[in-house]
C-alpha atoms as a PDB file:
ATOM      1  CA  MET A   1    -119.860  80.614-234.375  1.00  0.00           C
ATOM      2  CA  LYS A   2    -116.689  81.221-232.409  1.00  0.00           C
ATOM      3  CA  ARG A   3    -116.499  81.767-228.660  1.00  0.00           C
ATOM      4  CA  VAL A   4    -115.978  84.971-226.694  1.00  0.00           C
ATOM      5  CA  LEU A   5    -113.525  85.166-223.781  1.00  0.00           C
ATOM      6  CA  GLY A   6    -114.256  87.381-220.762  1.00  0.00           C
ATOM      7  CA  VAL A   7    -111.457  88.813-218.617  1.00  0.00           C
ATOM      8  CA  ASP A   8    -111.609  90.336-215.130  1.00  0.00           C
ATOM      9  CA  LEU A   9    -108.088  91.759-214.834  1.00  0.00           C
ATOM     10  CA  GLY A  10    -106.760  92.114-211.305  1.00  0.00           C
ATOM     11  CA  ASP A  11    -103.502  92.995-209.606  1.00  0.00           C
ATOM     12  CA  ALA A  12    -102.995  89.559-208.019  1.00  0.00           C
ATOM     13  CA  ARG A  13    -105.491  87.362-209.874  1.00  0.00           C
ATOM     14  CA  THR A  14    -107.252  87.499-213.227  1.00  0.00           C
ATOM     15  CA  GLY A  15    -110.526  85.688-213.767  1.00  0.00           C
ATOM     16  CA  LEU A  16    -111.490  84.231-217.121  1.00  0.00           C
ATOM     17  CA  ALA A  17    -114.833  83.094-218.505  1.00  0.00           C
ATOM     18  CA  VAL A  18    -115.785  81.734-221.908  1.00  0.00           C
ATOM     19  CA  SER A  19    -119.013  81.729-223.879  1.00  0.00           C
ATOM     20  CA  ASP A  20    -120.661  78.740-225.444  1.00  0.00           C
ATOM     21  CA  GLU A  21    -120.452  78.442-229.227  1.00  0.00           C
ATOM     22  CA  LEU A  22    -123.873  80.058-229.649  1.00  0.00           C
ATOM     23  CA  ARG A  23    -122.711  83.100-227.646  1.00  0.00           C
ATOM     24  CA  MET A  24    -125.667  82.849-225.316  1.00  0.00           C
ATOM     25  CA  LEU A  25    -124.137  81.783-221.986  1.00  0.00           C
ATOM     26  CA  ALA A  26    -120.934  82.650-220.164  1.00  0.00           C
ATOM     27  CA  HIS A  27    -119.153  79.990-218.108  1.00  0.00           C
ATOM     28  CA  PRO A  28    -116.330  80.431-215.564  1.00  0.00           C
ATOM     29  CA  LEU A  29    -113.071  79.129-217.004  1.00  0.00           C
ATOM     30  CA  GLU A  30    -110.041  79.702-214.777  1.00  0.00           C
ATOM     31  CA  THR A  31    -108.164  82.055-212.496  1.00  0.00           C
ATOM     32  CA  ILE A  32    -104.642  83.133-213.354  1.00  0.00           C
ATOM     33  CA  GLU A  33    -102.570  83.763-210.222  1.00  0.00           C
ATOM     34  CA  SER A  34    -100.140  86.401-211.365  1.00  0.00           C
ATOM     35  CA  ASN A  35     -99.160  90.012-210.913  1.00  0.00           C
ATOM     36  CA  SER A  36     -97.512  90.067-214.345  1.00  0.00           C
ATOM     37  CA  ALA A  37     -99.474  91.435-217.311  1.00  0.00           C
ATOM     38  CA  GLU A  38     -97.162  89.493-219.630  1.00  0.00           C
ATOM     39  CA  THR A  39     -98.058  86.160-217.986  1.00  0.00           C
ATOM     40  CA  VAL A  40    -101.768  86.956-218.222  1.00  0.00           C
ATOM     41  CA  ALA A  41    -101.481  88.053-221.863  1.00  0.00           C
ATOM     42  CA  ARG A  42     -99.591  84.865-222.808  1.00  0.00           C
ATOM     43  CA  ARG A  43    -102.222  82.665-221.126  1.00  0.00           C
ATOM     44  CA  ILE A  44    -105.023  84.551-222.884  1.00  0.00           C
ATOM     45  CA  LYS A  45    -103.222  84.091-226.195  1.00  0.00           C
ATOM     46  CA  ALA A  46    -103.076  80.333-225.595  1.00  0.00           C
ATOM     47  CA  ILE A  47    -106.773  80.161-224.658  1.00  0.00           C
ATOM     48  CA  VAL A  48    -107.771  82.160-227.746  1.00  0.00           C
ATOM     49  CA  SER A  49    -106.175  79.429-229.816  1.00  0.00           C
ATOM     50  CA  GLU A  50    -107.340  76.452-227.704  1.00  0.00           C
ATOM     51  CA  LYS A  51    -110.976  77.535-227.392  1.00  0.00           C
ATOM     52  CA  ASP A  52    -111.442  78.983-230.904  1.00  0.00           C
ATOM     53  CA  VAL A  53    -112.086  82.520-229.596  1.00  0.00           C
ATOM     54  CA  ASP A  54    -112.567  85.471-231.954  1.00  0.00           C
ATOM     55  CA  CYS A  55    -113.337  88.198-229.385  1.00  0.00           C
ATOM     56  CA  VAL A  56    -111.870  88.996-225.959  1.00  0.00           C
ATOM     57  CA  VAL A  57    -113.903  91.202-223.626  1.00  0.00           C
ATOM     58  CA  VAL A  58    -111.857  92.855-220.884  1.00  0.00           C
ATOM     59  CA  GLY A  59    -113.683  94.437-217.953  1.00  0.00           C
ATOM     60  CA  LEU A  60    -113.032  98.173-217.660  1.00  0.00           C
ATOM     61  CA  PRO A  61    -113.366  99.324-214.024  1.00  0.00           C
ATOM     62  CA  ARG A  62    -114.842 102.788-214.387  1.00  0.00           C
ATOM     63  CA  ASN A  63    -115.613 104.887-211.324  1.00  0.00           C
ATOM     64  CA  MET A  64    -119.273 105.097-210.341  1.00  0.00           C
ATOM     65  CA  ASP A  65    -119.527 108.524-212.018  1.00  0.00           C
ATOM     66  CA  GLY A  66    -118.237 106.991-215.277  1.00  0.00           C
ATOM     67  CA  SER A  67    -114.779 108.553-215.070  1.00  0.00           C
ATOM     68  CA  MET A  68    -111.552 106.610-215.508  1.00  0.00           C
ATOM     69  CA  GLY A  69    -109.322 105.966-212.517  1.00  0.00           C
ATOM     70  CA  ARG A  70    -105.911 104.365-212.109  1.00  0.00           C
ATOM     71  CA  SER A  71    -107.267 100.818-212.486  1.00  0.00           C
ATOM     72  CA  ALA A  72    -109.110 101.690-215.697  1.00  0.00           C
ATOM     73  CA  GLU A  73    -105.941 103.217-217.125  1.00  0.00           C
ATOM     74  CA  GLN A  74    -104.041 100.003-216.304  1.00  0.00           C
ATOM     75  CA  VAL A  75    -106.716  97.977-218.097  1.00  0.00           C
ATOM     76  CA  GLN A  76    -106.499 100.236-221.144  1.00  0.00           C
ATOM     77  CA  ARG A  77    -102.728  99.672-221.299  1.00  0.00           C
ATOM     78  CA  PHE A  78    -103.309  95.927-221.012  1.00  0.00           C
ATOM     79  CA  VAL A  79    -105.932  96.012-223.797  1.00  0.00           C
ATOM     80  CA  ALA A  80    -103.455  97.831-226.062  1.00  0.00           C
ATOM     81  CA  LYS A  81    -100.768  95.221-225.311  1.00  0.00           C
ATOM     82  CA  LEU A  82    -103.197  92.329-225.843  1.00  0.00           C
ATOM     83  CA  THR A  83    -104.449  93.786-229.131  1.00  0.00           C
ATOM     84  CA  GLY A  84    -100.917  93.631-230.503  1.00  0.00           C
ATOM     85  CA  LEU A  85    -100.435  90.055-229.302  1.00  0.00           C
ATOM     86  CA  ILE A  86    -103.528  88.209-230.529  1.00  0.00           C
ATOM     87  CA  ASN A  87    -105.361  87.985-233.849  1.00  0.00           C
ATOM     88  CA  CYS A  88    -108.883  88.713-232.711  1.00  0.00           C
ATOM     89  CA  GLN A  89    -111.021  91.605-231.572  1.00  0.00           C
ATOM     90  CA  VAL A  90    -110.333  92.960-228.077  1.00  0.00           C
ATOM     91  CA  VAL A  91    -113.126  94.973-226.469  1.00  0.00           C
ATOM     92  CA  SER A  92    -113.183  96.823-223.154  1.00  0.00           C
ATOM     93  CA  TRP A  93    -116.518  96.559-221.339  1.00  0.00           C
ATOM     94  CA  ASP A  94    -117.875  98.489-218.352  1.00  0.00           C
ATOM     95  CA  GLU A  95    -117.534  96.252-215.324  1.00  0.00           C
ATOM     96  CA  ARG A  96    -118.828  98.488-212.542  1.00  0.00           C
ATOM     97  CA  LEU A  97    -119.897  96.390-209.547  1.00  0.00           C
ATOM     98  CA  SER A  98    -119.117  93.040-211.205  1.00  0.00           C
ATOM     99  CA  THR A  99    -116.995  91.901-208.242  1.00  0.00           C
ATOM    100  CA  VAL A 100    -119.744  92.946-205.830  1.00  0.00           C
ATOM    101  CA  ALA A 101    -122.258  90.972-207.900  1.00  0.00           C
ATOM    102  CA  ALA A 102    -119.887  87.986-207.927  1.00  0.00           C
ATOM    103  CA  ASP A 103    -119.552  88.113-204.125  1.00  0.00           C
ATOM    104  CA  ARG A 104    -123.331  88.236-203.733  1.00  0.00           C
ATOM    105  CA  ALA A 105    -123.857  85.344-206.151  1.00  0.00           C
ATOM    106  CA  LEU A 106    -121.341  83.216-204.281  1.00  0.00           C
ATOM    107  CA  GLN A 107    -122.875  84.095-200.902  1.00  0.00           C
ATOM    108  CA  THR A 108    -126.315  83.214-202.244  1.00  0.00           C
ATOM    109  CA  ALA A 109    -124.875  79.865-203.349  1.00  0.00           C
ATOM    110  CA  GLY A 110    -123.796  79.293-199.736  1.00  0.00           C
ATOM    111  CA  LYS A 111    -120.070  79.799-200.249  1.00  0.00           C
ATOM    112  CA  LYS A 112    -118.009  81.277-197.432  1.00  0.00           C
ATOM    113  CA  THR A 113    -115.658  84.142-198.270  1.00  0.00           C
ATOM    114  CA  ARG A 114    -112.496  82.104-197.669  1.00  0.00           C
ATOM    115  CA  GLU A 115    -113.813  79.382-200.006  1.00  0.00           C
ATOM    116  CA  THR A 116    -114.397  81.812-202.875  1.00  0.00           C
ATOM    117  CA  LYS A 117    -110.908  83.271-203.285  1.00  0.00           C
ATOM    118  CA  GLY A 118    -110.068  81.104-206.298  1.00  0.00           C
ATOM    119  CA  ILE A 119    -113.404  81.397-208.073  1.00  0.00           C
ATOM    120  CA  ARG A 120    -114.577  84.925-207.311  1.00  0.00           C
ATOM    121  CA  ASP A 121    -112.545  86.380-210.178  1.00  0.00           C
ATOM    122  CA  GLN A 122    -113.921  83.760-212.586  1.00  0.00           C
ATOM    123  CA  VAL A 123    -117.479  84.616-211.546  1.00  0.00           C
ATOM    124  CA  ALA A 124    -116.745  88.336-212.021  1.00  0.00           C
ATOM    125  CA  ALA A 125    -115.417  87.546-215.524  1.00  0.00           C
ATOM    126  CA  GLN A 126    -118.561  85.495-216.145  1.00  0.00           C
ATOM    127  CA  ILE A 127    -120.760  88.449-215.128  1.00  0.00           C
ATOM    128  CA  ILE A 128    -118.795  90.830-217.393  1.00  0.00           C
ATOM    129  CA  LEU A 129    -119.006  88.415-220.308  1.00  0.00           C
ATOM    130  CA  GLN A 130    -122.697  87.644-219.792  1.00  0.00           C
ATOM    131  CA  SER A 131    -123.464  91.368-219.818  1.00  0.00           C
ATOM    132  CA  TYR A 132    -121.616  91.681-223.127  1.00  0.00           C
ATOM    133  CA  LEU A 133    -123.382  88.635-224.613  1.00  0.00           C
ATOM    134  CA  ASP A 134    -126.786  89.946-223.502  1.00  0.00           C
ATOM    135  CA  ARG A 135    -126.046  93.219-225.254  1.00  0.00           C
ATOM    136  CA  LEU A 136    -125.099  91.384-228.460  1.00  0.00           C
ATOM    137  CA  SER A 137    -128.414  89.550-228.523  1.00  0.00           C
ATOM    138  CA  ALA A 138    -130.536  92.621-227.695  1.00  0.00           C
END
């Protein structure tokens, strides 16, 4: 089975996570330091090829009431651009509170806030992807 890539798209940094080949577990992969959607899309395209990915799950930051805000609209534009760039399925997935959950997980692991800057986005992507994988297996 092919892998699934999780994406936590941000303005300054984008976190990535990848599933195992059985699509059971999500693992942090990397953080892309960039404010350019083109740079992020090109890196994702390369990873899709390198890691044998056939599905990309992009976190969709809905408001708590389920409505779409400015950030969600930006993600939808990115998903449309990415869909035209890569030859695999691209799915948007509700990511409400994933960054909060990532912060809590890192604090529980004993990490200080200043130490987590580079990995927080990866952990958020991991949480988004794990939620998607859990839904697939349900």
